[in-house]
Amino acid sequence: MRELVSDGVEGNIPLASGCFMFFRTKLLRVLDGFSPDYFLYFEDYDLSMRVHELSDIVYVPMVRITHFGGHAAGKGLRHIWMFSVSAYRFFSRWGWRWW
């Protein structure tokens, strides 16, 4: 992959969304993967922040994915509650700031 996408790669970005991520297995094992402290929201951001402490995060804008779905999760009060709890945990750990 490195040889295929050397042009157009943006290196060491601070945060990546979890919609499509690749990791070196060794790094994921060191970090113990996704934290069980989060459910449904912010787990990808937390993992991304922990990765950024140990390694570079690379963004390849030429890669495209299509997500078919996402309509199954209703956005009722339960989901708003889960989002709020995860947001509070994330910002309490990583700081209440905007990048």
Foldseek 3Di string as FASTA:
>chain_A
DCVVQVPQKDKQDQFDDPPDDDDDPVLCVVVVHFDPQADPPDSRRVVSNVCSVPHMDMDRVVDDDDDDDPPPDDDDPVVVVRHVSNVVVVCVVVHDDDD
